[in-house]
């Protein structure tokens, strides 16, 4: 029994004893039994009020946690991911500041009387947003945690057999890990993670993805999903020359499949692949979704200010806003554009106007993107191709 629980237990015991004494005193009184019932009613009303307050607090608490997690790396018992050949270790803290005597196999390093634990290893390599059922003071873990790399997340690869040997005695320090001969050191330029911790979820889930380069010049791609109800569990680790493109396939009939086959939308697809999607399967990958997409070409992205494009590639949340700014939750053909002064995008409060001058159509106002191809039908969906990226105010506001 932990200390906090023991204090709570003793406190409740004392209150219970006082309550029994009060009942005994009431039993010796000459007042009729109705007076005791009269005392009970306000307590019932207060209890109902408390239940109502509890219902009002059912909305999860959102915290900008800034990457402050009580562990150093995605490594340890039940926390190591491998594909049969390679194992990958993602570092949420710099490997250089991990205590030399800490056993990475135990994963968590909470603050105690000896120090701040993992929180002393700063700054974190990622930012994070957490949803808590109540609060960090009362809950064992958040309901949901989303992490985004800060642009230079350390990633180490090892031969899976070497990691299994290192884990055999139950103790692995950072020095032991660094000394494994098969180690390949890399840095992830992009990193995203979605976590439903097992301590607070009946169905735990983890999904993370990373892309970057190794010190020896090779490139790597990491794609891991465990516990998602609609995605097969997998650990995909690809290491190859940076000039070798890693093809990605999309479900037949989806908007993403059309864009990939066309070949002019590699930047747009790469950005949307990095988005932390709230729905599954994601918008452009779901053939059953009914959408209209205004798709900017690779040339449109190349014309963007380089600093804005860099921000887009490093921030999945901005990429999501930009995706939504080009997407409508309905089939919309060119003949429909002029039916309303403005049309609501998939982000309902955001409306977009069409400027129509004969055969020339511009998306997002008179100074917006020119529609260079229109009414491409994919099932119940429509794609219109535009020559510029719109909604850049989302990146500058």
Protein backbone atom coordinates (compact mmCIF):
# COMPACT_ATOMS: atom_id res chain seq x y z
CA UNK A 1 0.00 0.00 0.00
CA UNK A 2 1.61 3.30 -1.04
CA UNK A 3 2.02 6.28 1.26
CA UNK A 4 -0.63 8.46 -0.41
CA UNK A 5 -3.19 5.67 -0.26
CA UNK A 6 -2.33 4.93 3.43
CA UNK A 7 -2.89 8.59 4.40
CA UNK A 8 -6.24 8.60 2.61
CA UNK A 9 -7.21 5.29 4.27
CA UNK A 10 -6.40 6.57 7.80
CA UNK A 11 -8.31 9.80 7.18
CA UNK A 12 -11.42 7.94 6.06
CA UNK A 13 -11.20 5.61 9.08
CA UNK A 14 -11.18 8.56 11.51
CA UNK A 15 -14.14 10.18 9.78
CA UNK A 16 -16.01 6.86 9.87
CA UNK A 17 -15.44 6.49 13.61
CA UNK A 18 -16.71 10.01 14.32
CA UNK A 19 -19.79 9.31 12.20
CA UNK A 20 -20.59 6.17 14.25
CA UNK A 21 -20.28 8.15 17.49
CA UNK A 22 -22.67 10.75 16.10
CA UNK A 23 -25.22 8.07 15.21
CA UNK A 24 -24.96 6.64 18.73
CA UNK A 25 -25.61 10.06 20.20
CA UNK A 26 -28.65 10.52 17.96
CA UNK A 27 -29.95 7.13 19.02
CA UNK A 28 -29.97 8.30 22.68
CA UNK A 29 -31.93 11.47 21.83
CA UNK A 30 -35.66 11.86 22.59
CA UNK A 31 -36.29 13.52 19.18
CA UNK A 32 -38.49 11.55 16.77
CA UNK A 33 -36.96 9.52 13.95
CA UNK A 34 -38.26 12.04 11.38
CA UNK A 35 -35.58 14.53 12.49
CA UNK A 36 -32.86 12.09 11.40
CA UNK A 37 -34.50 11.79 7.97
CA UNK A 38 -34.62 15.56 7.80
CA UNK A 39 -30.86 15.66 8.36
CA UNK A 40 -30.35 13.08 5.57
CA UNK A 41 -32.08 15.10 2.85
CA UNK A 42 -29.58 17.96 2.58
CA UNK A 43 -26.78 15.35 2.43
CA UNK A 44 -28.53 13.64 -0.52
CA UNK A 45 -28.95 16.99 -2.26
CA UNK A 46 -25.29 17.79 -1.75
CA UNK A 47 -24.35 14.35 -3.05
CA UNK A 48 -26.43 14.90 -6.18
CA UNK A 49 -24.72 18.25 -6.63
CA UNK A 50 -21.33 16.60 -6.34
CA UNK A 51 -22.33 14.03 -8.97
CA UNK A 52 -23.39 16.85 -11.28
CA UNK A 53 -20.04 18.55 -10.73
CA UNK A 54 -18.29 15.27 -11.52
CA UNK A 55 -20.22 15.00 -14.79
CA UNK A 56 -19.19 18.55 -15.68
CA UNK A 57 -15.53 17.55 -15.20
CA UNK A 58 -15.77 14.57 -17.54
CA UNK A 59 -14.03 16.50 -20.32
CA UNK A 60 -10.34 15.44 -20.39
CA UNK A 61 -7.75 17.92 -19.18
CA UNK A 62 -5.45 19.06 -22.01
CA UNK A 63 -1.85 19.88 -21.11
CA UNK A 64 0.95 21.27 -23.24
CA UNK A 65 3.58 19.01 -21.65
CA UNK A 66 6.50 20.28 -23.76
CA UNK A 67 8.01 16.81 -24.08
CA UNK A 68 8.54 16.42 -20.33
CA UNK A 69 8.14 12.66 -19.92
CA UNK A 70 9.54 10.46 -17.11
CA UNK A 71 11.73 8.31 -19.37
CA UNK A 72 14.76 8.67 -21.62
CA UNK A 73 14.16 6.39 -24.58
CA UNK A 74 11.70 4.00 -26.20
CA UNK A 75 13.67 1.01 -24.95
CA UNK A 76 13.33 -1.71 -22.34
CA UNK A 77 11.11 -4.60 -21.45
CA UNK A 78 8.01 -4.47 -23.70
CA UNK A 79 9.26 -1.15 -25.09
CA UNK A 80 11.74 -2.34 -27.74
CA UNK A 81 10.62 -2.55 -31.37
CA UNK A 82 12.33 -4.69 -34.02
CA UNK A 83 11.56 -6.14 -37.45
CA UNK A 84 13.51 -9.40 -37.23
CA UNK A 85 16.76 -7.84 -38.42
CA UNK A 86 17.06 -4.41 -36.82
CA UNK A 87 15.87 -2.91 -33.52
CA UNK A 88 15.27 0.82 -33.17
CA UNK A 89 15.69 3.06 -30.11
CA UNK A 90 14.10 6.54 -30.08
CA UNK A 91 15.57 9.00 -27.54
CA UNK A 92 13.29 11.54 -25.86
CA UNK A 93 16.35 12.93 -24.05
CA UNK A 94 19.91 13.37 -25.26
CA UNK A 95 21.87 10.12 -24.77
CA UNK A 96 24.73 12.24 -23.42
CA UNK A 97 22.85 13.20 -20.24
CA UNK A 98 21.42 9.80 -19.30
CA UNK A 99 22.95 8.73 -15.94
CA UNK A 100 25.68 6.17 -16.49
CA UNK A 101 24.29 3.80 -13.86
CA UNK A 102 20.61 3.98 -14.88
CA UNK A 103 19.08 0.72 -16.09
CA UNK A 104 17.30 1.63 -19.33
CA UNK A 105 15.46 -1.69 -19.17
CA UNK A 106 13.24 -0.31 -16.37
CA UNK A 107 12.09 2.47 -18.76
CA UNK A 108 10.70 4.97 -16.21
CA UNK A 109 12.90 7.20 -14.07
CA UNK A 110 10.66 9.15 -11.70
CA UNK A 111 11.86 11.94 -9.39
CA UNK A 112 12.70 10.86 -5.84
CA UNK A 113 14.74 11.98 -2.86
CA UNK A 114 17.91 11.40 -4.89
CA UNK A 115 17.09 13.74 -7.74
CA UNK A 116 14.74 14.80 -10.55
CA UNK A 117 14.97 11.52 -12.49
CA UNK A 118 14.54 11.83 -16.25
CA UNK A 119 13.34 15.41 -15.85
CA UNK A 120 16.91 16.41 -15.03
CA UNK A 121 17.98 15.46 -18.56
CA UNK A 122 16.95 18.59 -20.46
CA UNK A 123 15.83 19.81 -22.88
CA UNK A 124 13.59 17.07 -24.31
CA UNK A 125 14.00 16.18 -27.98
CA UNK A 126 10.25 16.50 -28.68
CA UNK A 127 7.25 18.59 -27.73
CA UNK A 128 4.05 16.93 -26.49
CA UNK A 129 0.36 17.40 -25.81
CA UNK A 130 -1.40 15.21 -23.22
CA UNK A 131 -5.05 14.50 -22.36
CA UNK A 132 -5.73 13.47 -18.73
CA UNK A 133 -8.97 12.05 -17.37
CA UNK A 134 -8.51 14.15 -14.22
CA UNK A 135 -4.99 15.48 -13.63
CA UNK A 136 -1.36 14.31 -13.38
CA UNK A 137 -1.68 14.45 -9.59
CA UNK A 138 -4.42 11.79 -9.49
CA UNK A 139 -4.06 9.69 -12.65
CA UNK A 140 -1.38 7.04 -13.27
CA UNK A 141 -0.82 8.26 -16.85
CA UNK A 142 -2.49 10.43 -19.51
CA UNK A 143 -5.28 9.01 -21.63
CA UNK A 144 -3.55 10.20 -24.79
CA UNK A 145 -0.13 11.68 -25.53
CA UNK A 146 0.96 13.12 -28.89
CA UNK A 147 4.61 13.93 -29.48
CA UNK A 148 6.34 15.88 -32.24
CA UNK A 149 10.09 15.98 -32.72
CA UNK A 150 11.93 19.28 -32.41
CA UNK A 151 13.86 18.56 -35.59
CA UNK A 152 16.81 16.53 -34.30
CA UNK A 153 15.61 13.40 -32.45
CA UNK A 154 18.43 10.87 -31.76
CA UNK A 155 17.65 7.44 -33.23
CA UNK A 156 19.91 4.41 -32.82
CA UNK A 157 19.64 1.13 -34.74
CA UNK A 158 21.07 -2.23 -33.61
CA UNK A 159 21.12 -5.76 -34.90
CA UNK A 160 18.13 -7.36 -33.18
CA UNK A 161 20.25 -10.30 -31.98
CA UNK A 162 22.63 -7.89 -30.20
CA UNK A 163 19.76 -6.18 -28.39
CA UNK A 164 18.31 -9.52 -27.28
CA UNK A 165 21.73 -10.47 -25.87
CA UNK A 166 22.04 -7.15 -24.05
CA UNK A 167 18.58 -7.52 -22.50
CA UNK A 168 19.19 -11.10 -21.34
CA UNK A 169 20.49 -10.13 -17.87
CA UNK A 170 17.78 -7.50 -17.35
CA UNK A 171 20.22 -4.58 -17.07
CA UNK A 172 21.24 -2.27 -19.93
CA UNK A 173 23.03 1.03 -19.30
CA UNK A 174 23.60 3.77 -21.84
CA UNK A 175 27.29 2.86 -21.92
CA UNK A 176 26.51 -0.78 -22.67
CA UNK A 177 24.10 0.27 -25.41
CA UNK A 178 26.64 2.62 -26.99
CA UNK A 179 29.29 -0.13 -27.03
CA UNK A 180 27.24 -2.61 -29.10
CA UNK A 181 29.24 -3.14 -32.32
CA UNK A 182 26.23 -3.09 -34.66
CA UNK A 183 25.04 0.34 -33.46
CA UNK A 184 24.18 2.84 -36.20
CA UNK A 185 23.56 6.40 -35.04
CA UNK A 186 21.08 8.69 -36.75
CA UNK A 187 19.02 11.84 -36.35
CA UNK A 188 15.32 12.08 -37.20
CA UNK A 189 14.36 15.31 -38.93
CA UNK A 190 10.70 14.42 -38.49
CA UNK A 191 9.20 12.42 -35.63
CA UNK A 192 5.58 11.90 -34.57
CA UNK A 193 4.09 9.66 -31.91
CA UNK A 194 0.58 8.80 -30.71
CA UNK A 195 0.37 6.97 -27.39
CA UNK A 196 -2.53 5.51 -25.36
CA UNK A 197 -0.68 4.29 -22.24
CA UNK A 198 -1.65 0.92 -20.80
CA UNK A 199 -1.81 2.41 -17.29
CA UNK A 200 -4.89 4.44 -18.29
CA UNK A 201 -6.38 2.55 -21.25
CA UNK A 202 -7.98 -0.87 -21.50
CA UNK A 203 -6.61 -1.06 -25.06
CA UNK A 204 -3.06 0.38 -25.15
CA UNK A 205 -1.82 1.83 -28.43
CA UNK A 206 1.42 3.22 -29.77
CA UNK A 207 2.18 4.55 -33.22
CA UNK A 208 5.34 6.41 -34.16
CA UNK A 209 7.10 7.41 -37.35
CA UNK A 210 10.50 8.92 -38.06
CA UNK A 211 12.60 9.91 -41.04
CA UNK A 212 16.20 11.07 -41.06
CA UNK A 213 19.82 10.32 -41.85
CA UNK A 214 22.54 8.17 -40.31
CA UNK A 215 26.06 9.33 -39.50
CA UNK A 216 27.37 7.07 -42.29
CA UNK A 217 25.26 8.92 -44.87
CA UNK A 218 22.40 6.47 -45.29
CA UNK A 219 18.77 7.45 -44.79
CA UNK A 220 16.19 5.72 -42.62
CA UNK A 221 12.43 5.46 -42.26
CA UNK A 222 10.63 4.13 -39.18
CA UNK A 223 6.92 3.25 -39.10
CA UNK A 224 5.55 1.42 -36.04
CA UNK A 225 1.98 0.66 -35.01
CA UNK A 226 0.91 -1.59 -32.11
CA UNK A 227 -2.61 -1.89 -30.69
CA UNK A 228 -4.58 0.12 -33.26
CA UNK A 229 -7.93 -1.61 -33.90
CA UNK A 230 -7.98 -0.78 -37.62
CA UNK A 231 -4.26 -1.11 -38.47
CA UNK A 232 -2.31 -4.36 -38.48
CA UNK A 233 0.53 -4.36 -35.93
CA UNK A 234 3.81 -3.73 -37.69
CA UNK A 235 7.36 -2.51 -37.22
CA UNK A 236 8.79 -1.19 -40.48
CA UNK A 237 12.47 -0.16 -40.40
CA UNK A 238 14.04 0.86 -43.69
CA UNK A 239 17.69 1.84 -44.10
CA UNK A 240 18.90 2.72 -47.57
CA UNK A 241 20.87 5.16 -49.64
CA UNK A 242 19.40 8.63 -49.59
CA UNK A 243 18.95 8.60 -53.36
CA UNK A 244 16.76 5.51 -53.14
CA UNK A 245 13.10 6.44 -52.94
CA UNK A 246 10.97 4.31 -50.64
CA UNK A 247 7.67 3.83 -52.46
CA UNK A 248 4.52 4.11 -50.41
CA UNK A 249 1.25 2.54 -51.46
CA UNK A 250 -2.27 3.77 -50.72
CA UNK A 251 -5.65 2.00 -50.83
CA UNK A 252 -7.10 1.73 -54.32
CA UNK A 253 -9.81 4.29 -54.96
CA UNK A 254 -8.48 6.77 -52.40
CA UNK A 255 -7.53 10.35 -53.19
CA UNK A 256 -3.99 9.63 -52.00
CA UNK A 257 -3.66 6.76 -54.50
CA UNK A 258 -4.63 9.08 -57.37
CA UNK A 259 -2.19 11.79 -56.27
CA UNK A 260 0.63 9.26 -55.92
CA UNK A 261 -0.02 7.79 -59.37
CA UNK A 262 -0.11 11.26 -60.95
CA UNK A 263 3.39 12.06 -59.71
CA UNK A 264 2.97 15.85 -59.31
CA UNK A 265 2.02 15.84 -55.62
CA UNK A 266 4.94 14.27 -53.74
CA UNK A 267 5.36 17.25 -51.37
CA UNK A 268 1.65 17.45 -50.58
CA UNK A 269 1.49 13.69 -49.91
CA UNK A 270 4.65 13.76 -47.77
CA UNK A 271 3.15 16.53 -45.62
CA UNK A 272 -0.22 14.82 -45.19
CA UNK A 273 1.51 11.53 -44.32
CA UNK A 274 3.11 13.30 -41.34
CA UNK A 275 -0.18 14.66 -39.99
CA UNK A 276 -1.34 13.19 -36.67
CA UNK A 277 -4.82 12.26 -37.87
CA UNK A 278 -7.80 12.46 -35.56
CA UNK A 279 -9.75 9.95 -37.64
CA UNK A 280 -8.71 6.56 -38.95
CA UNK A 281 -8.14 5.78 -41.70
CA UNK A 282 -6.89 9.29 -42.51
CA UNK A 283 -8.87 11.57 -44.83
CA UNK A 284 -7.04 11.08 -48.11
CA UNK A 285 -6.44 7.35 -47.53
CA UNK A 286 -10.07 6.42 -46.90
CA UNK A 287 -11.87 5.43 -50.14
CA UNK A 288 -15.22 5.58 -48.32
CA UNK A 289 -14.82 9.26 -47.38
CA UNK A 290 -16.70 11.80 -49.54
CA UNK A 291 -14.43 14.81 -50.06
CA UNK A 292 -13.38 17.55 -52.44
CA UNK A 293 -9.67 18.36 -52.52
CA UNK A 294 -7.88 21.35 -54.02
CA UNK A 295 -4.43 19.88 -54.53
CA UNK A 296 -1.33 22.11 -54.89
CA UNK A 297 1.37 20.70 -57.20
CA UNK A 298 5.04 20.23 -56.33
CA UNK A 299 5.76 23.41 -58.32
CA UNK A 300 3.31 25.27 -56.08
CA UNK A 301 5.20 24.19 -52.96
CA UNK A 302 8.56 25.01 -54.59
CA UNK A 303 7.32 28.59 -55.06
CA UNK A 304 6.66 29.00 -51.33
CA UNK A 305 9.09 30.97 -49.14
CA UNK A 306 11.70 28.37 -48.05
CA UNK A 307 11.34 29.19 -44.34
CA UNK A 308 7.58 28.55 -44.46
CA UNK A 309 8.05 25.25 -46.26
CA UNK A 310 10.61 24.20 -43.64
CA UNK A 311 8.12 25.03 -40.88
CA UNK A 312 5.45 22.98 -42.62
CA UNK A 313 7.73 19.95 -42.92
CA UNK A 314 8.69 20.15 -39.25
CA UNK A 315 5.27 20.74 -37.71
CA UNK A 316 2.52 18.13 -38.35
CA UNK A 317 -0.08 20.41 -36.77
CA UNK A 318 0.54 23.18 -39.28
CA UNK A 319 0.53 20.59 -42.06
CA UNK A 320 -2.87 19.41 -40.80
CA UNK A 321 -4.28 22.95 -40.86
CA UNK A 322 -3.02 23.42 -44.41
CA UNK A 323 -4.54 20.08 -45.49
CA UNK A 324 -7.89 21.08 -44.00
CA UNK A 325 -7.74 24.48 -45.72
CA UNK A 326 -7.69 22.66 -49.08
CA UNK A 327 -10.39 20.09 -48.23
CA UNK A 328 -14.20 20.14 -48.26
CA UNK A 329 -16.42 17.59 -46.54
CA UNK A 330 -18.74 17.25 -49.56
CA UNK A 331 -18.60 16.56 -53.33
CA UNK A 332 -18.04 19.94 -54.99
CA UNK A 333 -17.86 20.32 -58.78
CA UNK A 334 -16.81 23.44 -60.66
CA UNK A 335 -20.43 24.13 -61.62
CA UNK A 336 -21.19 24.49 -57.89
CA UNK A 337 -18.49 27.06 -57.07
CA UNK A 338 -20.68 30.10 -57.75
CA UNK A 339 -23.76 28.85 -55.91
CA UNK A 340 -22.62 30.39 -52.62
CA UNK A 341 -20.55 33.52 -51.88
CA UNK A 342 -18.20 31.36 -49.82
CA UNK A 343 -17.91 27.67 -49.06
CA UNK A 344 -17.02 26.16 -45.65
CA UNK A 345 -13.90 24.00 -45.64
CA UNK A 346 -13.66 20.86 -43.52
CA UNK A 347 -12.75 23.26 -40.67
CA UNK A 348 -16.32 24.58 -40.51
CA UNK A 349 -15.55 28.17 -39.32
CA UNK A 350 -13.13 28.69 -42.24
CA UNK A 351 -14.80 29.72 -45.52
CA UNK A 352 -13.20 30.06 -48.94
CA UNK A 353 -14.40 32.23 -51.83
CA UNK A 354 -14.09 31.46 -55.53
CA UNK A 355 -13.27 34.20 -58.03
CA UNK A 356 -14.82 33.24 -61.39
CA UNK A 357 -14.05 35.18 -64.56
CA UNK A 358 -15.27 33.27 -67.59
CA UNK A 359 -13.29 30.05 -67.75
CA UNK A 360 -10.75 31.27 -65.15
CA UNK A 361 -11.40 30.10 -61.62
CA UNK A 362 -9.33 31.12 -58.62
CA UNK A 363 -9.45 29.34 -55.28
CA UNK A 364 -9.41 31.46 -52.12
CA UNK A 365 -10.31 34.83 -53.62
CA UNK A 366 -9.29 36.97 -56.57
CA UNK A 367 -5.59 36.72 -55.58
CA UNK A 368 -5.84 33.01 -54.84
CA UNK A 369 -4.58 29.92 -56.63
CA UNK A 370 -5.54 29.31 -60.24
CA UNK A 371 -7.51 26.11 -60.83
CA UNK A 372 -5.50 24.50 -63.65
CA UNK A 373 -7.44 21.21 -63.81
CA UNK A 374 -10.95 20.64 -62.52
CA UNK A 375 -13.61 18.03 -61.87
CA UNK A 376 -11.37 14.96 -61.60
CA UNK A 377 -13.75 12.39 -60.14
CA UNK A 378 -12.46 9.56 -57.93
CA UNK A 379 -15.48 7.52 -56.85
CA UNK A 380 -17.67 10.00 -54.98
CA UNK A 381 -14.76 12.43 -54.52
CA UNK A 382 -13.51 15.32 -56.64
CA UNK A 383 -10.02 16.72 -57.09
CA UNK A 384 -9.25 20.16 -58.51
CA UNK A 385 -5.59 20.94 -59.17
CA UNK A 386 -4.28 24.40 -58.24
CA UNK A 387 -1.04 26.21 -59.06
CA UNK A 388 -0.33 27.72 -55.62
CA UNK A 389 -0.51 26.85 -51.93
CA UNK A 390 -3.27 28.81 -50.19
CA UNK A 391 -3.89 29.52 -46.52
CA UNK A 392 -0.32 30.68 -45.87
CA UNK A 393 -1.72 33.03 -43.21
CA UNK A 394 -2.10 29.88 -41.09
CA UNK A 395 1.71 29.75 -40.96
CA UNK A 396 2.27 33.44 -40.27
CA UNK A 397 -0.59 34.38 -37.91
